């Protein structure tokens, strides 16, 4: 009887862990999506060549977290010069 109780507790704990990780990954994905949309809108509002803006928006969106990190840490201040 005790053996089956341990199995049920382990299975329940494992199920909670899977749900928690799924929820956490969904939250991280939503944060990335919101930041990507914000970066794309910031790039799009700059004055400059439309083709260059499209290229930069696509690069930020395709590169996901790496593209967002590069944009927010390095390229954000220089982007206005690059799209002219």
Protein backbone atom coordinates (compact mmCIF):
# COMPACT_ATOMS: atom_id res chain seq x y z
CA UNK A 1 0.00 0.00 0.00
CA UNK A 2 2.79 2.43 0.89
CA UNK A 3 4.52 1.66 -2.41
CA UNK A 4 1.48 2.74 -4.44
CA UNK A 5 1.12 5.91 -2.40
CA UNK A 6 4.70 6.88 -3.25
CA UNK A 7 4.03 6.29 -6.94
CA UNK A 8 0.93 8.50 -6.87
CA UNK A 9 2.77 11.28 -5.04
CA UNK A 10 5.64 11.10 -7.54
CA UNK A 11 3.26 11.14 -10.50
CA UNK A 12 1.34 14.11 -9.08
CA UNK A 13 4.56 16.04 -8.39
CA UNK A 14 5.80 15.25 -11.90
CA UNK A 15 2.52 16.49 -13.38
CA UNK A 16 2.76 19.76 -11.42
CA UNK A 17 6.34 20.25 -12.60
CA UNK A 18 5.31 19.77 -16.23
CA UNK A 19 2.47 22.28 -15.90
CA UNK A 20 4.75 24.79 -14.17
CA UNK A 21 7.40 24.49 -16.87
CA UNK A 22 4.78 24.84 -19.59
CA UNK A 23 3.39 27.95 -17.93
CA UNK A 24 6.87 29.40 -17.44
CA UNK A 25 7.87 28.80 -21.05
CA UNK A 26 4.62 30.41 -22.23
CA UNK A 27 5.32 33.50 -20.12
CA UNK A 28 8.88 33.75 -21.48
CA UNK A 29 7.57 33.37 -25.04
CA UNK A 30 4.99 36.14 -24.47
CA UNK A 31 7.64 38.48 -23.08
CA UNK A 32 9.79 37.84 -26.15
CA UNK A 33 6.85 38.43 -28.45
CA UNK A 34 5.96 41.73 -26.78
CA UNK A 35 9.57 42.94 -26.88
CA UNK A 36 9.89 41.92 -30.54
CA UNK A 37 6.75 43.84 -31.49
CA UNK A 38 7.96 46.86 -29.51
CA UNK A 39 11.35 46.75 -31.26
CA UNK A 40 9.71 46.37 -34.68
CA UNK A 41 7.46 49.37 -34.03
CA UNK A 42 10.40 51.47 -32.83
CA UNK A 43 12.36 50.64 -35.98
CA UNK A 44 9.36 51.29 -38.21
CA UNK A 45 8.75 54.77 -36.72
CA UNK A 46 12.26 55.96 -37.63
CA UNK A 47 12.71 58.28 -40.58
CA UNK A 48 14.62 56.59 -43.35
CA UNK A 49 14.59 54.13 -46.19
CA UNK A 50 11.62 51.76 -46.05
CA UNK A 51 13.58 48.82 -47.45
CA UNK A 52 16.27 49.13 -44.75
CA UNK A 53 13.60 49.35 -42.05
CA UNK A 54 11.95 46.17 -43.37
CA UNK A 55 15.31 44.37 -43.40
CA UNK A 56 16.05 45.37 -39.80
CA UNK A 57 12.56 44.44 -38.60
CA UNK A 58 12.82 41.02 -40.26
CA UNK A 59 16.28 40.45 -38.76
CA UNK A 60 15.08 41.30 -35.27
CA UNK A 61 12.06 39.02 -35.63
CA UNK A 62 13.96 36.09 -37.16
CA UNK A 63 16.83 36.18 -34.67
CA UNK A 64 14.42 36.09 -31.74
CA UNK A 65 16.16 36.60 -28.38
CA UNK A 66 19.60 37.20 -29.91
CA UNK A 67 18.17 39.83 -32.25
CA UNK A 68 16.36 41.51 -29.37
CA UNK A 69 19.49 41.53 -27.22
CA UNK A 70 21.59 43.03 -30.01
CA UNK A 71 18.91 45.62 -30.75
CA UNK A 72 18.33 46.75 -27.16
CA UNK A 73 21.98 46.59 -26.04
CA UNK A 74 23.90 47.86 -29.07
CA UNK A 75 21.86 48.93 -32.09
CA UNK A 76 19.04 50.95 -30.59
CA UNK A 77 20.99 54.22 -30.45
CA UNK A 78 22.58 53.75 -33.88
CA UNK A 79 19.51 52.54 -35.75
CA UNK A 80 18.44 56.03 -36.88
CA UNK A 81 21.78 56.46 -38.65
CA UNK A 82 21.66 53.01 -40.24
CA UNK A 83 18.24 53.40 -41.85
CA UNK A 84 19.03 56.74 -43.54
